C-alpha atoms as a PDB file:
ATOM      1  CA  UNK A   1       0.066   0.011  -0.036  1.00  0.00           C
ATOM      2  CA  UNK A   2       1.380   3.388  -0.916  1.00  0.00           C
ATOM      3  CA  UNK A   3       2.047   6.016   1.659  1.00  0.00           C
ATOM      4  CA  UNK A   4      -0.669   8.647   2.221  1.00  0.00           C
ATOM      5  CA  UNK A   5      -0.355  11.905   0.325  1.00  0.00           C
ATOM      6  CA  UNK A   6      -0.243  15.240   1.932  1.00  0.00           C
ATOM      7  CA  UNK A   7      -3.837  16.003   0.786  1.00  0.00           C
ATOM      8  CA  UNK A   8      -4.985  12.706   2.254  1.00  0.00           C
ATOM      9  CA  UNK A   9      -3.457  13.541   5.508  1.00  0.00           C
ATOM     10  CA  UNK A  10      -5.404  16.849   5.577  1.00  0.00           C
ATOM     11  CA  UNK A  11      -8.642  15.121   4.864  1.00  0.00           C
ATOM     12  CA  UNK A  12      -7.994  12.586   7.639  1.00  0.00           C
ATOM     13  CA  UNK A  13      -7.244  15.380  10.177  1.00  0.00           C
ATOM     14  CA  UNK A  14     -10.409  17.291   9.124  1.00  0.00           C
ATOM     15  CA  UNK A  15     -12.498  14.284   9.726  1.00  0.00           C
ATOM     16  CA  UNK A  16     -10.885  13.555  13.071  1.00  0.00           C
ATOM     17  CA  UNK A  17     -11.301  17.130  14.302  1.00  0.00           C
ATOM     18  CA  UNK A  18     -14.205  18.878  12.536  1.00  0.00           C
ATOM     19  CA  UNK A  19     -14.610  22.556  12.580  1.00  0.00           C
ATOM     20  CA  UNK A  20     -16.978  23.674  15.429  1.00  0.00           C
ATOM     21  CA  UNK A  21     -20.388  25.203  14.577  1.00  0.00           C
ATOM     22  CA  UNK A  22     -19.691  28.923  14.948  1.00  0.00           C
ATOM     23  CA  UNK A  23     -23.355  29.628  15.697  1.00  0.00           C
ATOM     24  CA  UNK A  24     -25.194  32.957  14.984  1.00  0.00           C
ATOM     25  CA  UNK A  25     -23.289  36.248  15.335  1.00  0.00           C
ATOM     26  CA  UNK A  26     -24.475  38.544  18.019  1.00  0.00           C
ATOM     27  CA  UNK A  27     -27.523  40.573  16.822  1.00  0.00           C
ATOM     28  CA  UNK A  28     -26.864  44.169  15.913  1.00  0.00           C
ATOM     29  CA  UNK A  29     -29.785  46.463  16.369  1.00  0.00           C
ATOM     30  CA  UNK A  30     -30.663  49.017  13.683  1.00  0.00           C
ATOM     31  CA  UNK A  31     -30.762  52.705  14.277  1.00  0.00           C
ATOM     32  CA  UNK A  32     -34.473  52.612  13.994  1.00  0.00           C
ATOM     33  CA  UNK A  33     -34.759  49.870  16.555  1.00  0.00           C
ATOM     34  CA  UNK A  34     -33.041  51.992  19.390  1.00  0.00           C
ATOM     35  CA  UNK A  35     -33.792  55.526  18.385  1.00  0.00           C
ATOM     36  CA  UNK A  36     -37.527  56.551  18.342  1.00  0.00           C
ATOM     37  CA  UNK A  37     -36.762  59.691  16.363  1.00  0.00           C
ATOM     38  CA  UNK A  38     -35.089  57.823  13.524  1.00  0.00           C
ATOM     39  CA  UNK A  39     -37.896  55.308  13.611  1.00  0.00           C
ATOM     40  CA  UNK A  40     -40.478  58.112  13.070  1.00  0.00           C
ATOM     41  CA  UNK A  41     -38.378  59.679  10.408  1.00  0.00           C
ATOM     42  CA  UNK A  42     -38.061  56.352   8.645  1.00  0.00           C
ATOM     43  CA  UNK A  43     -41.972  55.874   8.871  1.00  0.00           C
ATOM     44  CA  UNK A  44     -42.384  59.333   7.291  1.00  0.00           C
ATOM     45  CA  UNK A  45     -40.008  58.485   4.524  1.00  0.00           C
ATOM     46  CA  UNK A  46     -41.803  55.245   3.668  1.00  0.00           C
ATOM     47  CA  UNK A  47     -45.259  57.150   3.775  1.00  0.00           C
ATOM     48  CA  UNK A  48     -43.971  59.693   1.537  1.00  0.00           C
ATOM     49  CA  UNK A  49     -42.736  57.184  -1.063  1.00  0.00           C
ATOM     50  CA  UNK A  50     -46.178  55.466  -1.136  1.00  0.00           C
ATOM     51  CA  UNK A  51     -47.888  58.886  -1.300  1.00  0.00           C
ATOM     52  CA  UNK A  52     -45.836  60.067  -4.260  1.00  0.00           C
ATOM     53  CA  UNK A  53     -46.499  56.801  -5.999  1.00  0.00           C
ATOM     54  CA  UNK A  54     -50.190  57.500  -5.583  1.00  0.00           C
ATOM     55  CA  UNK A  55     -49.727  60.992  -6.970  1.00  0.00           C
ATOM     56  CA  UNK A  56     -47.885  59.530 -10.059  1.00  0.00           C
ATOM     57  CA  UNK A  57     -50.729  57.157 -10.653  1.00  0.00           C
ATOM     58  CA  UNK A  58     -53.162  60.219 -10.734  1.00  0.00           C
ATOM     59  CA  UNK A  59     -50.844  62.159 -13.031  1.00  0.00           C
ATOM     60  CA  UNK A  60     -50.811  59.095 -15.412  1.00  0.00           C
ATOM     61  CA  UNK A  61     -54.471  59.515 -15.819  1.00  0.00           C
ATOM     62  CA  UNK A  62     -54.249  63.309 -16.198  1.00  0.00           C
ATOM     63  CA  UNK A  63     -51.496  62.877 -18.861  1.00  0.00           C
ATOM     64  CA  UNK A  64     -53.579  60.220 -20.718  1.00  0.00           C
ATOM     65  CA  UNK A  65     -56.462  62.650 -21.244  1.00  0.00           C
ATOM     66  CA  UNK A  66     -54.302  65.888 -21.596  1.00  0.00           C
ATOM     67  CA  UNK A  67     -51.893  65.324 -24.391  1.00  0.00           C
ATOM     68  CA  UNK A  68     -53.009  65.167 -27.940  1.00  0.00           C
ATOM     69  CA  UNK A  69     -52.093  62.061 -29.978  1.00  0.00           C
ATOM     70  CA  UNK A  70     -52.653  61.165 -33.634  1.00  0.00           C
ATOM     71  CA  UNK A  71     -51.508  63.108 -36.747  1.00  0.00           C
ATOM     72  CA  UNK A  72     -50.587  66.253 -34.856  1.00  0.00           C
ATOM     73  CA  UNK A  73     -49.523  65.009 -31.338  1.00  0.00           C
ATOM     74  CA  UNK A  74     -48.049  67.166 -28.659  1.00  0.00           C
ATOM     75  CA  UNK A  75     -44.229  66.945 -28.706  1.00  0.00           C
ATOM     76  CA  UNK A  76     -41.653  67.203 -25.801  1.00  0.00           C
ATOM     77  CA  UNK A  77     -37.926  67.321 -26.821  1.00  0.00           C
ATOM     78  CA  UNK A  78     -38.779  65.621 -30.165  1.00  0.00           C
ATOM     79  CA  UNK A  79     -40.735  62.877 -28.594  1.00  0.00           C
ATOM     80  CA  UNK A  80     -44.407  62.260 -28.159  1.00  0.00           C
ATOM     81  CA  UNK A  81     -45.504  64.111 -24.956  1.00  0.00           C
ATOM     82  CA  UNK A  82     -48.214  61.462 -24.275  1.00  0.00           C
ATOM     83  CA  UNK A  83     -45.745  58.622 -24.390  1.00  0.00           C
ATOM     84  CA  UNK A  84     -43.147  60.416 -22.354  1.00  0.00           C
ATOM     85  CA  UNK A  85     -45.590  61.392 -19.666  1.00  0.00           C
ATOM     86  CA  UNK A  86     -47.331  58.100 -19.455  1.00  0.00           C
ATOM     87  CA  UNK A  87     -43.972  56.317 -19.229  1.00  0.00           C
ATOM     88  CA  UNK A  88     -42.555  58.582 -16.678  1.00  0.00           C
ATOM     89  CA  UNK A  89     -45.603  58.585 -14.384  1.00  0.00           C
ATOM     90  CA  UNK A  90     -46.326  54.919 -14.529  1.00  0.00           C
ATOM     91  CA  UNK A  91     -42.664  54.013 -14.143  1.00  0.00           C
ATOM     92  CA  UNK A  92     -42.281  56.304 -11.161  1.00  0.00           C
ATOM     93  CA  UNK A  93     -45.357  54.913  -9.548  1.00  0.00           C
ATOM     94  CA  UNK A  94     -44.125  51.339  -9.882  1.00  0.00           C
ATOM     95  CA  UNK A  95     -40.592  52.322  -8.818  1.00  0.00           C
ATOM     96  CA  UNK A  96     -41.783  54.200  -5.602  1.00  0.00           C
ATOM     97  CA  UNK A  97     -44.014  51.237  -4.604  1.00  0.00           C
ATOM     98  CA  UNK A  98     -40.947  48.970  -4.864  1.00  0.00           C
ATOM     99  CA  UNK A  99     -38.650  51.353  -2.961  1.00  0.00           C
ATOM    100  CA  UNK A 100     -41.176  52.051  -0.314  1.00  0.00           C
ATOM    101  CA  UNK A 101     -41.654  48.247   0.349  1.00  0.00           C
ATOM    102  CA  UNK A 102     -37.800  47.809   0.522  1.00  0.00           C
ATOM    103  CA  UNK A 103     -37.460  50.584   2.982  1.00  0.00           C
ATOM    104  CA  UNK A 104     -40.292  49.309   5.111  1.00  0.00           C
ATOM    105  CA  UNK A 105     -38.628  45.948   5.308  1.00  0.00           C
ATOM    106  CA  UNK A 106     -35.189  47.287   5.926  1.00  0.00           C
ATOM    107  CA  UNK A 107     -35.947  49.924   8.623  1.00  0.00           C
ATOM    108  CA  UNK A 108     -39.316  49.268  10.208  1.00  0.00           C
ATOM    109  CA  UNK A 109     -40.219  45.506  10.092  1.00  0.00           C
ATOM    110  CA  UNK A 110     -39.113  43.175  12.768  1.00  0.00           C
ATOM    111  CA  UNK A 111     -35.321  42.385  12.494  1.00  0.00           C
ATOM    112  CA  UNK A 112     -34.007  39.229  13.979  1.00  0.00           C
ATOM    113  CA  UNK A 113     -32.137  36.150  12.796  1.00  0.00           C
ATOM    114  CA  UNK A 114     -33.840  32.876  12.406  1.00  0.00           C
ATOM    115  CA  UNK A 115     -32.554  29.281  11.813  1.00  0.00           C
ATOM    116  CA  UNK A 116     -34.403  27.018   9.517  1.00  0.00           C
ATOM    117  CA  UNK A 117     -33.407  23.314   9.549  1.00  0.00           C
ATOM    118  CA  UNK A 118     -33.850  21.144   6.408  1.00  0.00           C
ATOM    119  CA  UNK A 119     -36.860  18.896   6.658  1.00  0.00           C
ATOM    120  CA  UNK A 120     -38.648  16.378   4.367  1.00  0.00           C
ATOM    121  CA  UNK A 121     -40.451  17.576   1.332  1.00  0.00           C
ATOM    122  CA  UNK A 122     -43.832  16.859   2.992  1.00  0.00           C
ATOM    123  CA  UNK A 123     -44.228  18.771   6.201  1.00  0.00           C
ATOM    124  CA  UNK A 124     -45.903  17.373   9.153  1.00  0.00           C
ATOM    125  CA  UNK A 125     -49.124  18.847  10.527  1.00  0.00           C
ATOM    126  CA  UNK A 126     -47.161  20.326  13.388  1.00  0.00           C
ATOM    127  CA  UNK A 127     -44.786  22.069  10.960  1.00  0.00           C
ATOM    128  CA  UNK A 128     -47.648  23.533   8.943  1.00  0.00           C
ATOM    129  CA  UNK A 129     -49.153  24.882  12.127  1.00  0.00           C
ATOM    130  CA  UNK A 130     -45.913  26.367  13.017  1.00  0.00           C
ATOM    131  CA  UNK A 131     -45.655  27.874   9.527  1.00  0.00           C
ATOM    132  CA  UNK A 132     -48.961  29.482   9.806  1.00  0.00           C
ATOM    133  CA  UNK A 133     -48.105  30.822  13.352  1.00  0.00           C
ATOM    134  CA  UNK A 134     -44.948  32.242  11.871  1.00  0.00           C
ATOM    135  CA  UNK A 135     -46.843  33.941   9.135  1.00  0.00           C
ATOM    136  CA  UNK A 136     -49.202  35.413  11.683  1.00  0.00           C
ATOM    137  CA  UNK A 137     -46.267  36.582  13.786  1.00  0.00           C
ATOM    138  CA  UNK A 138     -44.681  38.060  10.753  1.00  0.00           C
ATOM    139  CA  UNK A 139     -47.741  40.128   9.884  1.00  0.00           C
ATOM    140  CA  UNK A 140     -47.924  41.308  13.462  1.00  0.00           C
ATOM    141  CA  UNK A 141     -44.182  42.122  13.544  1.00  0.00           C
ATOM    142  CA  UNK A 142     -44.460  44.002  10.303  1.00  0.00           C
ATOM    143  CA  UNK A 143     -45.969  46.918  12.233  1.00  0.00           C
ATOM    144  CA  UNK A 144     -48.594  47.580   9.689  1.00  0.00           C
ATOM    145  CA  UNK A 145     -51.429  47.239  12.256  1.00  0.00           C
ATOM    146  CA  UNK A 146     -49.756  49.768  14.601  1.00  0.00           C
ATOM    147  CA  UNK A 147     -48.495  52.121  11.865  1.00  0.00           C
ATOM    148  CA  UNK A 148     -51.623  53.577  10.337  1.00  0.00           C
ATOM    149  CA  UNK A 149     -49.623  56.198   8.368  1.00  0.00           C
ATOM    150  CA  UNK A 150     -47.622  53.609   6.664  1.00  0.00           C
ATOM    151  CA  UNK A 151     -50.458  51.261   6.159  1.00  0.00           C
ATOM    152  CA  UNK A 152     -52.909  53.815   4.816  1.00  0.00           C
ATOM    153  CA  UNK A 153     -50.279  55.402   2.487  1.00  0.00           C
ATOM    154  CA  UNK A 154     -49.288  51.933   1.171  1.00  0.00           C
ATOM    155  CA  UNK A 155     -52.900  50.993   0.497  1.00  0.00           C
ATOM    156  CA  UNK A 156     -53.472  54.288  -1.331  1.00  0.00           C
ATOM    157  CA  UNK A 157     -50.434  53.743  -3.504  1.00  0.00           C
ATOM    158  CA  UNK A 158     -51.321  50.135  -4.264  1.00  0.00           C
ATOM    159  CA  UNK A 159     -54.963  50.997  -4.840  1.00  0.00           C
ATOM    160  CA  UNK A 160     -54.339  53.863  -7.161  1.00  0.00           C
ATOM    161  CA  UNK A 161     -51.744  51.816  -9.153  1.00  0.00           C
ATOM    162  CA  UNK A 162     -54.636  49.956 -10.718  1.00  0.00           C
ATOM    163  CA  UNK A 163     -56.215  53.151 -12.060  1.00  0.00           C
ATOM    164  CA  UNK A 164     -53.547  53.599 -14.900  1.00  0.00           C
ATOM    165  CA  UNK A 165     -54.163  49.853 -15.884  1.00  0.00           C
ATOM    166  CA  UNK A 166     -57.975  50.401 -16.179  1.00  0.00           C
ATOM    167  CA  UNK A 167     -57.453  53.571 -18.245  1.00  0.00           C
ATOM    168  CA  UNK A 168     -54.789  51.964 -20.475  1.00  0.00           C
ATOM    169  CA  UNK A 169     -57.390  49.273 -21.359  1.00  0.00           C
ATOM    170  CA  UNK A 170     -59.179  51.763 -23.350  1.00  0.00           C
ATOM    171  CA  UNK A 171     -56.435  51.724 -25.823  1.00  0.00           C
ATOM    172  CA  UNK A 172     -57.130  48.046 -26.765  1.00  0.00           C
ATOM    173  CA  UNK A 173     -59.576  49.409 -29.215  1.00  0.00           C
ATOM    174  CA  UNK A 174     -63.024  50.951 -29.740  1.00  0.00           C
ATOM    175  CA  UNK A 175     -65.901  49.781 -27.457  1.00  0.00           C
ATOM    176  CA  UNK A 176     -67.561  46.940 -29.267  1.00  0.00           C
ATOM    177  CA  UNK A 177     -71.131  48.336 -29.161  1.00  0.00           C
ATOM    178  CA  UNK A 178     -73.141  46.189 -31.388  1.00  0.00           C
ATOM    179  CA  UNK A 179     -70.147  45.274 -33.636  1.00  0.00           C
ATOM    180  CA  UNK A 180     -70.208  41.665 -32.482  1.00  0.00           C
ATOM    181  CA  UNK A 181     -73.896  41.348 -33.536  1.00  0.00           C
ATOM    182  CA  UNK A 182     -73.678  42.230 -37.193  1.00  0.00           C
ATOM    183  CA  UNK A 183     -71.522  41.440 -40.161  1.00  0.00           C
ATOM    184  CA  UNK A 184     -71.072  43.072 -43.580  1.00  0.00           C
ATOM    185  CA  UNK A 185     -73.612  40.543 -45.004  1.00  0.00           C
ATOM    186  CA  UNK A 186     -76.291  42.960 -43.660  1.00  0.00           C
ATOM    187  CA  UNK A 187     -74.891  45.978 -45.583  1.00  0.00           C
ATOM    188  CA  UNK A 188     -77.258  45.297 -48.490  1.00  0.00           C
ATOM    189  CA  UNK A 189     -79.475  42.593 -49.988  1.00  0.00           C
ATOM    190  CA  UNK A 190     -78.325  39.988 -52.465  1.00  0.00           C
ATOM    191  CA  UNK A 191     -74.524  40.100 -51.768  1.00  0.00           C
ATOM    192  CA  UNK A 192     -72.853  37.370 -53.753  1.00  0.00           C
ATOM    193  CA  UNK A 193     -71.061  34.542 -52.164  1.00  0.00           C
ATOM    194  CA  UNK A 194     -67.530  34.228 -53.685  1.00  0.00           C
ATOM    195  CA  UNK A 195     -64.580  31.902 -53.040  1.00  0.00           C
ATOM    196  CA  UNK A 196     -62.440  33.176 -50.258  1.00  0.00           C
ATOM    197  CA  UNK A 197     -59.139  33.282 -52.224  1.00  0.00           C
ATOM    198  CA  UNK A 198     -59.990  34.180 -55.789  1.00  0.00           C
ATOM    199  CA  UNK A 199     -63.232  36.102 -55.174  1.00  0.00           C
ATOM    200  CA  UNK A 200     -64.963  34.108 -57.924  1.00  0.00           C
ATOM    201  CA  UNK A 201     -68.762  34.156 -57.655  1.00  0.00           C
ATOM    202  CA  UNK A 202     -70.505  30.775 -57.294  1.00  0.00           C
ATOM    203  CA  UNK A 203     -73.487  29.379 -59.157  1.00  0.00           C
ATOM    204  CA  UNK A 204     -75.386  26.281 -57.845  1.00  0.00           C
ATOM    205  CA  UNK A 205     -74.238  24.164 -60.818  1.00  0.00           C
ATOM    206  CA  UNK A 206     -70.613  24.842 -59.661  1.00  0.00           C
ATOM    207  CA  UNK A 207     -71.060  22.739 -56.625  1.00  0.00           C
ATOM    208  CA  UNK A 208     -71.185  19.040 -56.445  1.00  0.00           C
ATOM    209  CA  UNK A 209     -73.112  16.876 -53.798  1.00  0.00           C
ATOM    210  CA  UNK A 210     -70.845  16.498 -50.727  1.00  0.00           C
ATOM    211  CA  UNK A 211     -68.628  19.452 -51.659  1.00  0.00           C
ATOM    212  CA  UNK A 212     -67.544  22.239 -49.174  1.00  0.00           C
ATOM    213  CA  UNK A 213     -66.349  25.682 -50.315  1.00  0.00           C
ATOM    214  CA  UNK A 214     -64.802  28.375 -48.135  1.00  0.00           C
ATOM    215  CA  UNK A 215     -66.283  31.776 -48.974  1.00  0.00           C
ATOM    216  CA  UNK A 216     -66.479  35.466 -48.264  1.00  0.00           C
ATOM    217  CA  UNK A 217     -68.946  38.293 -49.325  1.00  0.00           C
ATOM    218  CA  UNK A 218     -68.136  39.865 -52.724  1.00  0.00           C
ATOM    219  CA  UNK A 219     -67.855  43.208 -51.005  1.00  0.00           C
ATOM    220  CA  UNK A 220     -64.276  42.535 -49.989  1.00  0.00           C
ATOM    221  CA  UNK A 221     -63.235  42.124 -53.555  1.00  0.00           C
ATOM    222  CA  UNK A 222     -64.680  45.337 -54.856  1.00  0.00           C
ATOM    223  CA  UNK A 223     -62.647  48.494 -55.567  1.00  0.00           C
ATOM    224  CA  UNK A 224     -61.961  50.522 -52.547  1.00  0.00           C
ATOM    225  CA  UNK A 225     -62.767  47.671 -50.056  1.00  0.00           C
ATOM    226  CA  UNK A 226     -59.458  48.394 -48.114  1.00  0.00           C
ATOM    227  CA  UNK A 227     -60.702  52.001 -47.426  1.00  0.00           C
ATOM    228  CA  UNK A 228     -64.253  50.967 -46.752  1.00  0.00           C
ATOM    229  CA  UNK A 229     -63.753  48.090 -44.290  1.00  0.00           C
ATOM    230  CA  UNK A 230     -61.465  47.061 -41.471  1.00  0.00           C
ATOM    231  CA  UNK A 231     -60.737  43.992 -43.665  1.00  0.00           C
ATOM    232  CA  UNK A 232     -58.981  41.818 -40.992  1.00  0.00           C
ATOM    233  CA  UNK A 233     -61.871  42.329 -38.467  1.00  0.00           C
ATOM    234  CA  UNK A 234     -64.702  42.145 -40.993  1.00  0.00           C
ATOM    235  CA  UNK A 235     -63.384  39.060 -42.762  1.00  0.00           C
ATOM    236  CA  UNK A 236     -63.057  37.140 -39.449  1.00  0.00           C
ATOM    237  CA  UNK A 237     -66.746  37.686 -38.800  1.00  0.00           C
ATOM    238  CA  UNK A 238     -68.084  37.258 -42.302  1.00  0.00           C
ATOM    239  CA  UNK A 239     -66.229  34.020 -43.182  1.00  0.00           C
ATOM    240  CA  UNK A 240     -68.516  31.310 -44.437  1.00  0.00           C
ATOM    241  CA  UNK A 241     -68.704  27.756 -45.571  1.00  0.00           C
ATOM    242  CA  UNK A 242     -70.964  26.612 -48.432  1.00  0.00           C
ATOM    243  CA  UNK A 243     -71.961  22.945 -48.579  1.00  0.00           C
ATOM    244  CA  UNK A 244     -74.134  20.930 -50.884  1.00  0.00           C
ATOM    245  CA  UNK A 245     -76.122  17.701 -49.941  1.00  0.00           C
ATOM    246  CA  UNK A 246     -79.115  15.861 -51.210  1.00  0.00           C
ATOM    247  CA  UNK A 247     -82.242  18.112 -50.560  1.00  0.00           C
ATOM    248  CA  UNK A 248     -84.136  15.216 -48.973  1.00  0.00           C
ATOM    249  CA  UNK A 249     -81.470  14.720 -46.406  1.00  0.00           C
ATOM    250  CA  UNK A 250     -81.941  18.204 -44.914  1.00  0.00           C
ATOM    251  CA  UNK A 251     -84.163  18.628 -41.846  1.00  0.00           C
ATOM    252  CA  UNK A 252     -84.645  22.413 -42.141  1.00  0.00           C
ATOM    253  CA  UNK A 253     -86.502  24.250 -39.296  1.00  0.00           C
ATOM    254  CA  UNK A 254     -89.793  25.543 -40.229  1.00  0.00           C
ATOM    255  CA  UNK A 255     -88.589  29.165 -40.527  1.00  0.00           C
ATOM    256  CA  UNK A 256     -85.579  28.048 -42.667  1.00  0.00           C
ATOM    257  CA  UNK A 257     -87.317  26.136 -45.461  1.00  0.00           C
ATOM    258  CA  UNK A 258     -86.292  28.897 -47.959  1.00  0.00           C
ATOM    259  CA  UNK A 259     -82.748  29.391 -46.636  1.00  0.00           C
ATOM    260  CA  UNK A 260     -80.992  27.147 -49.046  1.00  0.00           C
ATOM    261  CA  UNK A 261     -80.895  26.526 -52.847  1.00  0.00           C
ATOM    262  CA  UNK A 262     -81.166  22.948 -54.238  1.00  0.00           C
ATOM    263  CA  UNK A 263     -79.567  21.423 -51.244  1.00  0.00           C
ATOM    264  CA  UNK A 264     -76.955  24.104 -50.914  1.00  0.00           C
ATOM    265  CA  UNK A 265     -76.614  25.748 -47.384  1.00  0.00           C
ATOM    266  CA  UNK A 266     -74.369  28.375 -46.000  1.00  0.00           C
ATOM    267  CA  UNK A 267     -73.028  28.534 -42.428  1.00  0.00           C
ATOM    268  CA  UNK A 268     -70.586  30.754 -40.455  1.00  0.00           C
ATOM    269  CA  UNK A 269     -67.050  29.297 -40.578  1.00  0.00           C
ATOM    270  CA  UNK A 270     -66.402  30.527 -36.879  1.00  0.00           C
ATOM    271  CA  UNK A 271     -67.056  27.922 -34.165  1.00  0.00           C
ATOM    272  CA  UNK A 272     -69.405  28.908 -31.476  1.00  0.00           C
ATOM    273  CA  UNK A 273     -67.188  27.648 -28.731  1.00  0.00           C
ATOM    274  CA  UNK A 274     -64.038  29.840 -28.789  1.00  0.00           C
ATOM    275  CA  UNK A 275     -64.121  31.187 -32.382  1.00  0.00           C
ATOM    276  CA  UNK A 276     -61.764  28.675 -34.222  1.00  0.00           C
ATOM    277  CA  UNK A 277     -62.160  28.581 -37.998  1.00  0.00           C
ATOM    278  CA  UNK A 278     -63.628  25.251 -39.108  1.00  0.00           C
ATOM    279  CA  UNK A 279     -64.012  23.358 -42.345  1.00  0.00           C
ATOM    280  CA  UNK A 280     -63.375  19.725 -41.496  1.00  0.00           C
ATOM    281  CA  UNK A 281     -66.335  18.206 -43.420  1.00  0.00           C
ATOM    282  CA  UNK A 282     -67.758  14.746 -43.247  1.00  0.00           C
ATOM    283  CA  UNK A 283     -69.771  14.627 -46.338  1.00  0.00           C
ATOM    284  CA  UNK A 284     -71.467  11.195 -45.612  1.00  0.00           C
ATOM    285  CA  UNK A 285     -72.693  12.186 -42.254  1.00  0.00           C
ATOM    286  CA  UNK A 286     -73.085  15.966 -42.910  1.00  0.00           C
ATOM    287  CA  UNK A 287     -71.002  16.666 -39.797  1.00  0.00           C
ATOM    288  CA  UNK A 288     -68.577  19.636 -39.489  1.00  0.00           C
ATOM    289  CA  UNK A 289     -65.799  19.172 -36.927  1.00  0.00           C
ATOM    290  CA  UNK A 290     -63.841  21.991 -35.183  1.00  0.00           C
ATOM    291  CA  UNK A 291     -60.132  20.977 -35.067  1.00  0.00           C
ATOM    292  CA  UNK A 292     -59.559  22.980 -31.832  1.00  0.00           C
ATOM    293  CA  UNK A 293     -61.757  21.216 -29.298  1.00  0.00           C
ATOM    294  CA  UNK A 294     -63.801  18.700 -31.496  1.00  0.00           C
ATOM    295  CA  UNK A 295     -67.061  20.507 -31.405  1.00  0.00           C
ATOM    296  CA  UNK A 296     -69.248  18.854 -33.963  1.00  0.00           C
ATOM    297  CA  UNK A 297     -72.236  20.378 -35.862  1.00  0.00           C
ATOM    298  CA  UNK A 298     -74.879  18.657 -37.945  1.00  0.00           C
ATOM    299  CA  UNK A 299     -75.198  20.907 -41.016  1.00  0.00           C
ATOM    300  CA  UNK A 300     -78.172  18.945 -42.237  1.00  0.00           C
ATOM    301  CA  UNK A 301     -80.015  19.728 -39.095  1.00  0.00           C
ATOM    302  CA  UNK A 302     -79.685  23.573 -38.789  1.00  0.00           C
ATOM    303  CA  UNK A 303     -76.111  23.469 -37.589  1.00  0.00           C
ATOM    304  CA  UNK A 304     -77.140  21.670 -34.341  1.00  0.00           C
ATOM    305  CA  UNK A 305     -74.321  20.835 -31.898  1.00  0.00           C
ATOM    306  CA  UNK A 306     -74.032  16.956 -31.604  1.00  0.00           C
ATOM    307  CA  UNK A 307     -70.671  16.712 -29.708  1.00  0.00           C
ATOM    308  CA  UNK A 308     -68.077  18.865 -27.945  1.00  0.00           C
ATOM    309  CA  UNK A 309     -68.022  21.962 -25.684  1.00  0.00           C
ATOM    310  CA  UNK A 310     -69.862  24.358 -28.186  1.00  0.00           C
ATOM    311  CA  UNK A 311     -73.059  25.598 -26.479  1.00  0.00           C
ATOM    312  CA  UNK A 312     -75.072  26.789 -29.535  1.00  0.00           C
ATOM    313  CA  UNK A 313     -75.676  25.897 -33.088  1.00  0.00           C
ATOM    314  CA  UNK A 314     -73.624  27.255 -35.909  1.00  0.00           C
ATOM    315  CA  UNK A 315     -75.208  30.353 -37.309  1.00  0.00           C
ATOM    316  CA  UNK A 316     -76.774  29.850 -40.786  1.00  0.00           C
ATOM    317  CA  UNK A 317     -76.813  32.398 -43.497  1.00  0.00           C
ATOM    318  CA  UNK A 318     -80.028  32.695 -45.581  1.00  0.00           C
ATOM    319  CA  UNK A 319     -79.063  32.456 -49.280  1.00  0.00           C
ATOM    320  CA  UNK A 320     -80.853  32.624 -52.654  1.00  0.00           C
ATOM    321  CA  UNK A 321     -79.775  33.289 -56.264  1.00  0.00           C
ATOM    322  CA  UNK A 322     -79.619  36.726 -57.886  1.00  0.00           C
ATOM    323  CA  UNK A 323     -80.896  37.784 -61.235  1.00  0.00           C
ATOM    324  CA  UNK A 324     -77.822  36.262 -62.923  1.00  0.00           C
ATOM    325  CA  UNK A 325     -78.008  32.914 -61.271  1.00  0.00           C
ATOM    326  CA  UNK A 326     -75.270  33.403 -58.742  1.00  0.00           C
ATOM    327  CA  UNK A 327     -75.634  32.436 -54.959  1.00  0.00           C
ATOM    328  CA  UNK A 328     -76.246  35.467 -52.863  1.00  0.00           C
ATOM    329  CA  UNK A 329     -77.272  36.313 -49.334  1.00  0.00           C
ATOM    330  CA  UNK A 330     -80.952  37.100 -48.401  1.00  0.00           C
ATOM    331  CA  UNK A 331     -79.850  39.109 -45.337  1.00  0.00           C
ATOM    332  CA  UNK A 332     -77.230  39.131 -42.523  1.00  0.00           C
ATOM    333  CA  UNK A 333     -76.986  36.248 -39.999  1.00  0.00           C
ATOM    334  CA  UNK A 334     -79.944  36.513 -37.709  1.00  0.00           C
ATOM    335  CA  UNK A 335     -77.835  35.866 -34.679  1.00  0.00           C
ATOM    336  CA  UNK A 336     -74.319  36.802 -33.598  1.00  0.00           C
ATOM    337  CA  UNK A 337     -71.460  34.678 -35.109  1.00  0.00           C
ATOM    338  CA  UNK A 338     -68.545  33.324 -33.217  1.00  0.00           C
ATOM    339  CA  UNK A 339     -68.262  32.397 -29.529  1.00  0.00           C
ATOM    340  CA  UNK A 340     -70.904  33.445 -27.001  1.00  0.00           C
ATOM    341  CA  UNK A 341     -70.248  36.495 -24.891  1.00  0.00           C
ATOM    342  CA  UNK A 342     -71.766  38.127 -21.839  1.00  0.00           C
ATOM    343  CA  UNK A 343     -74.141  40.532 -23.686  1.00  0.00           C
ATOM    344  CA  UNK A 344     -75.565  37.923 -25.999  1.00  0.00           C
ATOM    345  CA  UNK A 345     -79.135  37.078 -25.123  1.00  0.00           C
END
C-alpha cells in the first residue's frame, strides 16, 4: 500500500477534528430599533414614497387625457408628449411602490435572525401549524397594524396603481357596441357569395353533392374595399362555408325552409365555442368538426351541436340566387357569429 499523500493527511485530520459550529453572530440592532426619532423619520420616508407613488398614478390619468395624439400630437424634446408622460408617471409609480416596500422591510419591520433546518419535502401537520403561526407573527411584527400612516399610504399607493391599468385598457380598441352582433352581410341585400381566395362568384351548378367551399362576401373584392372596411376584423366575422347535400337529407326548421338553394346551405365558418375557423367536413354524415376542441355540428339539421363543448348551433346565412343565377345572401346572419359573450341574449 502506498504512503498517504499530503492532501489525504489533511482530509483525515479534518474528519478527526471537524470545525466547530460557529453559531449565529451577535444581533446588531438597527438605528430605528433603538432611536424613536429615527424610527419616526423612517416611517415618514416610507409614507412619502407611497404617497408620491399614488400621485404619480393620478398624473398618469391626467396625462392620458391631456396630451393630444394622432396626426398632430403634442411633442416634448422631439418625442411624443403623451408617451413620455405616461412612461414617466407609470414608471415612477411602480418604482416608488418597490422602494417604499424595501425601505419598510429594511428599517421598520421586525429584524431578527432565524434558523431553518432542512426537513422532508412533505411537512408534518405540526410544521404546517408552526408555519402559519410564523406567518401570523410576521404580519404582526411588520408593524402595519400599529403604523396607520404607513399602512394607509401603502394601501393608497397600491390601490391607485390599478387606475392607470384600467385607463390604459381603453387603448385596446373601440368599444364593441353592437359590432359583435352584425357582419357586412347585412350591408345590403343580395350580396354574392364568392370563393375566399379568388373572389370568384358561385353558381349552384358549380357545386357537387358533398362538396364544401370556403367563402366570403363579394364586397371584400370590390374596388376601395381596403378604405371602406377594416378587412381583418370584418373578414373574420363574415367568413362562411358553403356545402351541398341531397335536398331530401336536410331537416330544415320551419322558418328556414327557404334558406337554401337545391340542397346548398351556408353557415358561419367560426366555431361557437371559442371562435376557431372550421372546415373539417364529413360529407357522408353531414357533420362539421372543429379542429380545436372537437365540437361537431350537424349541417343537415340547422347546424345543431351534436358533440363537444360548443353551447349553441352554428349560425346559418339565408341564401338565394340573384338575377344572374349566382348564389347571394338574403340578409345578414340572424344571430351573432362566433363564440358566446356576456351581452348575447
